[in-house]
Structure formats: structure tokens, C-alpha cells
PDB file of N, CA and C in Angstrom:
ATOM      1  N   UNK A   1      -3.663  -2.535 -11.949  1.00  0.00           N
ATOM      2  CA  UNK A   1      -4.095  -1.157 -12.010  1.00  0.00           C
ATOM      3  C   UNK A   1      -5.616  -1.152 -11.939  1.00  0.00           C
ATOM      4  N   UNK A   2      -6.117  -0.196 -11.170  1.00  0.00           N
ATOM      5  CA  UNK A   2      -7.560  -0.045 -11.000  1.00  0.00           C
ATOM      6  C   UNK A   2      -7.924   1.395 -11.318  1.00  0.00           C
ATOM      7  N   UNK A   3      -9.120   1.589 -11.907  1.00  0.00           N
ATOM      8  CA  UNK A   3      -9.574   2.924 -12.266  1.00  0.00           C
ATOM      9  C   UNK A   3     -11.001   3.101 -11.786  1.00  0.00           C
ATOM     10  N   UNK A   4     -11.307   4.255 -11.165  1.00  0.00           N
ATOM     11  CA  UNK A   4     -12.669   4.513 -10.711  1.00  0.00           C
ATOM     12  C   UNK A   4     -13.452   5.250 -11.799  1.00  0.00           C
ATOM     13  N   UNK A   5     -14.698   5.583 -11.508  1.00  0.00           N
ATOM     14  CA  UNK A   5     -15.566   6.240 -12.490  1.00  0.00           C
ATOM     15  C   UNK A   5     -15.041   7.613 -12.897  1.00  0.00           C
ATOM     16  N   UNK A   6     -14.264   8.260 -12.021  1.00  0.00           N
ATOM     17  CA  UNK A   6     -13.699   9.579 -12.319  1.00  0.00           C
ATOM     18  C   UNK A   6     -12.369   9.480 -13.071  1.00  0.00           C
ATOM     19  N   UNK A   7     -12.025   8.261 -13.499  1.00  0.00           N
ATOM     20  CA  UNK A   7     -10.782   8.006 -14.253  1.00  0.00           C
ATOM     21  C   UNK A   7      -9.519   8.190 -13.407  1.00  0.00           C
ATOM     22  N   UNK A   8      -9.659   8.135 -12.085  1.00  0.00           N
ATOM     23  CA  UNK A   8      -8.498   8.184 -11.203  1.00  0.00           C
ATOM     24  C   UNK A   8      -7.983   6.753 -11.059  1.00  0.00           C
ATOM     25  N   UNK A   9      -6.682   6.594 -11.103  1.00  0.00           N
ATOM     26  CA  UNK A   9      -6.094   5.252 -11.086  1.00  0.00           C
ATOM     27  C   UNK A   9      -5.219   5.030  -9.866  1.00  0.00           C
ATOM     28  N   UNK A  10      -5.195   3.776  -9.439  1.00  0.00           N
ATOM     29  CA  UNK A  10      -4.209   3.325  -8.465  1.00  0.00           C
ATOM     30  C   UNK A  10      -3.586   2.057  -9.030  1.00  0.00           C
ATOM     31  N   UNK A  11      -2.359   1.831  -8.651  1.00  0.00           N
ATOM     32  CA  UNK A  11      -1.651   0.628  -9.069  1.00  0.00           C
ATOM     33  C   UNK A  11      -1.148  -0.073  -7.820  1.00  0.00           C
ATOM     34  N   UNK A  12      -1.297  -1.387  -7.785  1.00  0.00           N
ATOM     35  CA  UNK A  12      -0.833  -2.194  -6.662  1.00  0.00           C
ATOM     36  C   UNK A  12       0.283  -3.087  -7.176  1.00  0.00           C
ATOM     37  N   UNK A  13       1.452  -2.961  -6.561  1.00  0.00           N
ATOM     38  CA  UNK A  13       2.612  -3.779  -6.906  1.00  0.00           C
ATOM     39  C   UNK A  13       2.857  -4.749  -5.754  1.00  0.00           C
ATOM     40  N   UNK A  14       2.930  -6.030  -6.055  1.00  0.00           N
ATOM     41  CA  UNK A  14       3.213  -7.039  -5.036  1.00  0.00           C
ATOM     42  C   UNK A  14       4.404  -7.859  -5.517  1.00  0.00           C
ATOM     43  N   UNK A  15       5.426  -7.921  -4.665  1.00  0.00           N
ATOM     44  CA  UNK A  15       6.625  -8.697  -4.989  1.00  0.00           C
ATOM     45  C   UNK A  15       7.003  -9.563  -3.790  1.00  0.00           C
ATOM     46  N   UNK A  16       8.053 -10.313  -3.943  1.00  0.00           N
ATOM     47  CA  UNK A  16       8.532 -11.178  -2.866  1.00  0.00           C
ATOM     48  C   UNK A  16       8.994 -10.348  -1.672  1.00  0.00           C
ATOM     49  N   UNK A  17       9.085 -10.994  -0.527  1.00  0.00           N
ATOM     50  CA  UNK A  17       9.563 -10.333   0.690  1.00  0.00           C
ATOM     51  C   UNK A  17      10.989  -9.834   0.492  1.00  0.00           C
ATOM     52  N   UNK A  18      11.361  -8.860   1.304  1.00  0.00           N
ATOM     53  CA  UNK A  18      12.739  -8.370   1.297  1.00  0.00           C
ATOM     54  C   UNK A  18      13.670  -9.500   1.737  1.00  0.00           C
ATOM     55  N   UNK A  19      14.931  -9.462   1.330  1.00  0.00           N
ATOM     56  CA  UNK A  19      15.857 -10.541   1.690  1.00  0.00           C
ATOM     57  C   UNK A  19      15.930 -10.815   3.195  1.00  0.00           C
ATOM     58  N   UNK A  20      15.857  -9.767   4.012  1.00  0.00           N
ATOM     59  CA  UNK A  20      15.928  -9.979   5.464  1.00  0.00           C
ATOM     60  C   UNK A  20      14.561 -10.249   6.091  1.00  0.00           C
ATOM     61  N   UNK A  21      13.498 -10.184   5.270  1.00  0.00           N
ATOM     62  CA  UNK A  21      12.118 -10.427   5.695  1.00  0.00           C
ATOM     63  C   UNK A  21      11.645  -9.501   6.811  1.00  0.00           C
ATOM     64  N   UNK A  22      12.330  -8.376   6.976  1.00  0.00           N
ATOM     65  CA  UNK A  22      11.983  -7.421   8.028  1.00  0.00           C
ATOM     66  C   UNK A  22      10.733  -6.634   7.637  1.00  0.00           C
ATOM     67  N   UNK A  23       9.892  -6.300   8.620  1.00  0.00           N
ATOM     68  CA  UNK A  23       8.722  -5.474   8.306  1.00  0.00           C
ATOM     69  C   UNK A  23       9.131  -4.031   8.041  1.00  0.00           C
ATOM     70  N   UNK A  24       8.385  -3.365   7.178  1.00  0.00           N
ATOM     71  CA  UNK A  24       8.634  -1.957   6.861  1.00  0.00           C
ATOM     72  C   UNK A  24       7.304  -1.328   6.468  1.00  0.00           C
ATOM     73  N   UNK A  25       7.134  -0.056   6.818  1.00  0.00           N
ATOM     74  CA  UNK A  25       5.923   0.684   6.487  1.00  0.00           C
ATOM     75  C   UNK A  25       6.320   2.113   6.156  1.00  0.00           C
ATOM     76  N   UNK A  26       5.748   2.658   5.077  1.00  0.00           N
ATOM     77  CA  UNK A  26       6.065   4.041   4.716  1.00  0.00           C
ATOM     78  C   UNK A  26       4.940   4.609   3.866  1.00  0.00           C
ATOM     79  N   UNK A  27       4.568   5.868   4.111  1.00  0.00           N
ATOM     80  CA  UNK A  27       3.611   6.582   3.282  1.00  0.00           C
ATOM     81  C   UNK A  27       4.320   7.815   2.766  1.00  0.00           C
ATOM     82  N   UNK A  28       4.280   8.048   1.455  1.00  0.00           N
ATOM     83  CA  UNK A  28       5.003   9.176   0.874  1.00  0.00           C
ATOM     84  C   UNK A  28       4.164   9.872  -0.194  1.00  0.00           C
ATOM     85  N   UNK A  29       4.428  11.154  -0.384  1.00  0.00           N
ATOM     86  CA  UNK A  29       3.797  11.954  -1.432  1.00  0.00           C
ATOM     87  C   UNK A  29       4.886  12.563  -2.292  1.00  0.00           C
ATOM     88  N   UNK A  30       4.634  12.594  -3.598  1.00  0.00           N
ATOM     89  CA  UNK A  30       5.608  13.213  -4.503  1.00  0.00           C
ATOM     90  C   UNK A  30       4.930  13.587  -5.820  1.00  0.00           C
ATOM     91  N   UNK A  31       5.067  14.828  -6.214  1.00  0.00           N
ATOM     92  CA  UNK A  31       4.561  15.323  -7.499  1.00  0.00           C
ATOM     93  C   UNK A  31       3.113  14.918  -7.764  1.00  0.00           C
ATOM     94  N   UNK A  32       2.256  15.042  -6.745  1.00  0.00           N
ATOM     95  CA  UNK A  32       0.838  14.749  -6.914  1.00  0.00           C
ATOM     96  C   UNK A  32       0.463  13.284  -6.783  1.00  0.00           C
ATOM     97  N   UNK A  33       1.429  12.428  -6.573  1.00  0.00           N
ATOM     98  CA  UNK A  33       1.151  10.997  -6.396  1.00  0.00           C
ATOM     99  C   UNK A  33       1.358  10.626  -4.931  1.00  0.00           C
ATOM    100  N   UNK A  34       0.546   9.726  -4.454  1.00  0.00           N
ATOM    101  CA  UNK A  34       0.647   9.196  -3.097  1.00  0.00           C
ATOM    102  C   UNK A  34       1.060   7.734  -3.204  1.00  0.00           C
ATOM    103  N   UNK A  35       1.855   7.276  -2.236  1.00  0.00           N
ATOM    104  CA  UNK A  35       2.278   5.877  -2.248  1.00  0.00           C
ATOM    105  C   UNK A  35       2.352   5.348  -0.823  1.00  0.00           C
ATOM    106  N   UNK A  36       1.816   4.156  -0.632  1.00  0.00           N
ATOM    107  CA  UNK A  36       1.987   3.470   0.637  1.00  0.00           C
ATOM    108  C   UNK A  36       2.719   2.174   0.353  1.00  0.00           C
ATOM    109  N   UNK A  37       3.763   1.933   1.137  1.00  0.00           N
ATOM    110  CA  UNK A  37       4.629   0.769   0.946  1.00  0.00           C
ATOM    111  C   UNK A  37       4.699   0.003   2.253  1.00  0.00           C
ATOM    112  N   UNK A  38       4.634  -1.318   2.169  1.00  0.00           N
ATOM    113  CA  UNK A  38       4.904  -2.129   3.347  1.00  0.00           C
ATOM    114  C   UNK A  38       5.544  -3.438   2.925  1.00  0.00           C
ATOM    115  N   UNK A  39       6.209  -4.040   3.886  1.00  0.00           N
ATOM    116  CA  UNK A  39       6.832  -5.348   3.668  1.00  0.00           C
ATOM    117  C   UNK A  39       6.631  -6.173   4.930  1.00  0.00           C
ATOM    118  N   UNK A  40       6.474  -7.463   4.739  1.00  0.00           N
ATOM    119  CA  UNK A  40       6.430  -8.372   5.880  1.00  0.00           C
ATOM    120  C   UNK A  40       7.254  -9.607   5.524  1.00  0.00           C
ATOM    121  N   UNK A  41       7.133 -10.662   6.250  1.00  0.00           N
ATOM    122  CA  UNK A  41       7.945 -11.856   6.008  1.00  0.00           C
ATOM    123  C   UNK A  41       7.566 -12.586   4.723  1.00  0.00           C
ATOM    124  N   UNK A  42       6.406 -12.262   4.136  1.00  0.00           N
ATOM    125  CA  UNK A  42       5.947 -12.970   2.941  1.00  0.00           C
ATOM    126  C   UNK A  42       5.990 -12.151   1.658  1.00  0.00           C
ATOM    127  N   UNK A  43       5.630 -10.852   1.758  1.00  0.00           N
ATOM    128  CA  UNK A  43       5.518 -10.029   0.549  1.00  0.00           C
ATOM    129  C   UNK A  43       6.010  -8.603   0.789  1.00  0.00           C
ATOM    130  N   UNK A  44       6.215  -7.906  -0.308  1.00  0.00           N
ATOM    131  CA  UNK A  44       6.429  -6.458  -0.321  1.00  0.00           C
ATOM    132  C   UNK A  44       5.329  -5.889  -1.207  1.00  0.00           C
ATOM    133  N   UNK A  45       4.681  -4.825  -0.767  1.00  0.00           N
ATOM    134  CA  UNK A  45       3.561  -4.270  -1.529  1.00  0.00           C
ATOM    135  C   UNK A  45       3.650  -2.749  -1.555  1.00  0.00           C
ATOM    136  N   UNK A  46       3.331  -2.170  -2.700  1.00  0.00           N
ATOM    137  CA  UNK A  46       3.249  -0.721  -2.843  1.00  0.00           C
ATOM    138  C   UNK A  46       1.942  -0.386  -3.550  1.00  0.00           C
ATOM    139  N   UNK A  47       1.206   0.562  -2.986  1.00  0.00           N
ATOM    140  CA  UNK A  47      -0.026   1.064  -3.591  1.00  0.00           C
ATOM    141  C   UNK A  47       0.264   2.516  -3.983  1.00  0.00           C
ATOM    142  N   UNK A  48       0.130   2.826  -5.276  1.00  0.00           N
ATOM    143  CA  UNK A  48       0.471   4.150  -5.797  1.00  0.00           C
ATOM    144  C   UNK A  48      -0.727   4.720  -6.548  1.00  0.00           C
ATOM    145  N   UNK A  49      -0.987   6.008  -6.361  1.00  0.00           N
ATOM    146  CA  UNK A  49      -2.080   6.625  -7.100  1.00  0.00           C
ATOM    147  C   UNK A  49      -2.118   8.127  -6.908  1.00  0.00           C
ATOM    148  N   UNK A  50      -3.085   8.753  -7.574  1.00  0.00           N
ATOM    149  CA  UNK A  50      -3.240  10.199  -7.507  1.00  0.00           C
ATOM    150  C   UNK A  50      -4.508  10.603  -6.768  1.00  0.00           C
ATOM    151  N   UNK A  51      -5.116   9.680  -6.051  1.00  0.00           N
ATOM    152  CA  UNK A  51      -6.268  10.019  -5.227  1.00  0.00           C
ATOM    153  C   UNK A  51      -5.795  10.928  -4.091  1.00  0.00           C
ATOM    154  N   UNK A  52      -6.688  11.704  -3.506  1.00  0.00           N
ATOM    155  CA  UNK A  52      -6.314  12.498  -2.336  1.00  0.00           C
ATOM    156  C   UNK A  52      -5.784  11.576  -1.228  1.00  0.00           C
ATOM    157  N   UNK A  53      -4.925  12.125  -0.369  1.00  0.00           N
ATOM    158  CA  UNK A  53      -4.253  11.318   0.650  1.00  0.00           C
ATOM    159  C   UNK A  53      -5.222  10.484   1.491  1.00  0.00           C
ATOM    160  N   UNK A  54      -6.328  11.059   1.931  1.00  0.00           N
ATOM    161  CA  UNK A  54      -7.285  10.317   2.764  1.00  0.00           C
ATOM    162  C   UNK A  54      -7.846   9.103   2.017  1.00  0.00           C
ATOM    163  N   UNK A  55      -8.157   9.272   0.742  1.00  0.00           N
ATOM    164  CA  UNK A  55      -8.668   8.149  -0.055  1.00  0.00           C
ATOM    165  C   UNK A  55      -7.581   7.103  -0.293  1.00  0.00           C
ATOM    166  N   UNK A  56      -6.365   7.561  -0.542  1.00  0.00           N
ATOM    167  CA  UNK A  56      -5.259   6.609  -0.733  1.00  0.00           C
ATOM    168  C   UNK A  56      -5.045   5.775   0.523  1.00  0.00           C
ATOM    169  N   UNK A  57      -5.139   6.405   1.680  1.00  0.00           N
ATOM    170  CA  UNK A  57      -4.978   5.646   2.925  1.00  0.00           C
ATOM    171  C   UNK A  57      -6.102   4.630   3.090  1.00  0.00           C
ATOM    172  N   UNK A  58      -7.316   5.003   2.717  1.00  0.00           N
ATOM    173  CA  UNK A  58      -8.443   4.071   2.810  1.00  0.00           C
ATOM    174  C   UNK A  58      -8.234   2.879   1.891  1.00  0.00           C
ATOM    175  N   UNK A  59      -7.861   3.152   0.652  1.00  0.00           N
ATOM    176  CA  UNK A  59      -7.605   2.071  -0.311  1.00  0.00           C
ATOM    177  C   UNK A  59      -6.425   1.215   0.144  1.00  0.00           C
ATOM    178  N   UNK A  60      -5.350   1.861   0.553  1.00  0.00           N
ATOM    179  CA  UNK A  60      -4.160   1.132   0.992  1.00  0.00           C
ATOM    180  C   UNK A  60      -4.466   0.249   2.195  1.00  0.00           C
ATOM    181  N   UNK A  61      -5.250   0.766   3.127  1.00  0.00           N
ATOM    182  CA  UNK A  61      -5.628  -0.020   4.306  1.00  0.00           C
ATOM    183  C   UNK A  61      -6.418  -1.264   3.887  1.00  0.00           C
ATOM    184  N   UNK A  62      -7.330  -1.106   2.936  1.00  0.00           N
ATOM    185  CA  UNK A  62      -8.111  -2.250   2.467  1.00  0.00           C
ATOM    186  C   UNK A  62      -7.221  -3.297   1.797  1.00  0.00           C
ATOM    187  N   UNK A  63      -6.282  -2.847   0.959  1.00  0.00           N
ATOM    188  CA  UNK A  63      -5.345  -3.775   0.305  1.00  0.00           C
ATOM    189  C   UNK A  63      -4.498  -4.471   1.360  1.00  0.00           C
ATOM    190  N   UNK A  64      -3.977  -3.702   2.307  1.00  0.00           N
ATOM    191  CA  UNK A  64      -3.139  -4.248   3.371  1.00  0.00           C
ATOM    192  C   UNK A  64      -3.899  -5.329   4.152  1.00  0.00           C
ATOM    193  N   UNK A  65      -5.130  -5.017   4.542  1.00  0.00           N
ATOM    194  CA  UNK A  65      -5.914  -5.964   5.327  1.00  0.00           C
ATOM    195  C   UNK A  65      -6.179  -7.254   4.548  1.00  0.00           C
ATOM    196  N   UNK A  66      -6.442  -7.140   3.268  1.00  0.00           N
ATOM    197  CA  UNK A  66      -6.705  -8.336   2.465  1.00  0.00           C
ATOM    198  C   UNK A  66      -5.445  -9.174   2.264  1.00  0.00           C
ATOM    199  N   UNK A  67      -4.306  -8.513   2.073  1.00  0.00           N
ATOM    200  CA  UNK A  67      -3.075  -9.252   1.804  1.00  0.00           C
ATOM    201  C   UNK A  67      -2.364  -9.746   3.056  1.00  0.00           C
ATOM    202  N   UNK A  68      -2.712  -9.196   4.211  1.00  0.00           N
ATOM    203  CA  UNK A  68      -2.021  -9.592   5.441  1.00  0.00           C
ATOM    204  C   UNK A  68      -2.971 -10.242   6.437  1.00  0.00           C
ATOM    205  N   UNK A  69      -4.115 -10.674   5.986  1.00  0.00           N
ATOM    206  CA  UNK A  69      -5.093 -11.294   6.877  1.00  0.00           C
ATOM    207  C   UNK A  69      -4.431 -12.386   7.709  1.00  0.00           C
ATOM    208  N   UNK A  70      -4.572 -12.274   9.015  1.00  0.00           N
ATOM    209  CA  UNK A  70      -3.996 -13.258   9.905  1.00  0.00           C
ATOM    210  C   UNK A  70      -2.588 -12.943  10.362  1.00  0.00           C
ATOM    211  N   UNK A  71      -1.923 -11.970   9.734  1.00  0.00           N
ATOM    212  CA  UNK A  71      -0.579 -11.584  10.177  1.00  0.00           C
ATOM    213  C   UNK A  71      -0.675 -10.844  11.510  1.00  0.00           C
ATOM    214  N   UNK A  72       0.324 -11.007  12.347  1.00  0.00           N
ATOM    215  CA  UNK A  72       0.352 -10.344  13.644  1.00  0.00           C
ATOM    216  C   UNK A  72       0.679  -8.872  13.496  1.00  0.00           C
ATOM    217  N   UNK A  73       1.670  -8.535  12.674  1.00  0.00           N
ATOM    218  CA  UNK A  73       2.101  -7.132  12.515  1.00  0.00           C
ATOM    219  C   UNK A  73       1.039  -6.337  11.770  1.00  0.00           C
ATOM    220  N   UNK A  74       0.821  -5.104  12.224  1.00  0.00           N
ATOM    221  CA  UNK A  74      -0.117  -4.201  11.572  1.00  0.00           C
ATOM    222  C   UNK A  74       0.544  -2.848  11.399  1.00  0.00           C
ATOM    223  N   UNK A  75       0.223  -2.185  10.324  1.00  0.00           N
ATOM    224  CA  UNK A  75       0.806  -0.871  10.049  1.00  0.00           C
ATOM    225  C   UNK A  75       0.167   0.205  10.922  1.00  0.00           C
ATOM    226  N   UNK A  76       0.904   1.278  11.146  1.00  0.00           N
ATOM    227  CA  UNK A  76       0.379   2.448  11.835  1.00  0.00           C
ATOM    228  C   UNK A  76      -0.188   3.372  10.766  1.00  0.00           C
ATOM    229  N   UNK A  77      -1.507   3.518  10.712  1.00  0.00           N
ATOM    230  CA  UNK A  77      -2.163   4.277   9.645  1.00  0.00           C
ATOM    231  C   UNK A  77      -2.345   5.736   9.986  1.00  0.00           C
ATOM    232  N   UNK A  78      -1.858   6.176  11.154  1.00  0.00           N
ATOM    233  CA  UNK A  78      -1.852   7.591  11.559  1.00  0.00           C
ATOM    234  C   UNK A  78      -2.977   8.415  11.163  1.00  0.00           C
TER     235      UNK A  78
END
């Protein structure tokens, strides 16, 4: 969990890859929270927080790039 100076928090969850190791990407909003989820052959990751959507995408993109450095597959950040 990370918190900025404005006391806004994001949480990053990293777990093992899905059993089929298939890639997956999803961005969702619910009850004021934003979440970006992806999976690749090595890990599954979810970034959740209450930052505005544009900021969540920026943070999620940075986490994704750091955790998937060198991977061929890339998410569509729309």
C-alpha cells in the first residue's frame, strides 16, 4: 500500500500467474475505486485506489512497466 501527501492510497497486489498462464487486461471502476488488473505468464497484478482515473492509469502503467520489463505483451492503455 502506498499513500501520497494528500492521504490518497493505492494498493498493489501481486500473485502467481493464472493456471493457464494466459494474458489478461482489465480496467474497472466501482463505488469510487479504480482498479487495473493484468496477468501474464509469470504474475497476476491488480492496482487498486481512489485516485482519479487518469492518475490511476498513470500509476498502473508505471507498475506494469516495472513488473513486466522485457515482456513482449503490452497492455492497451486506451
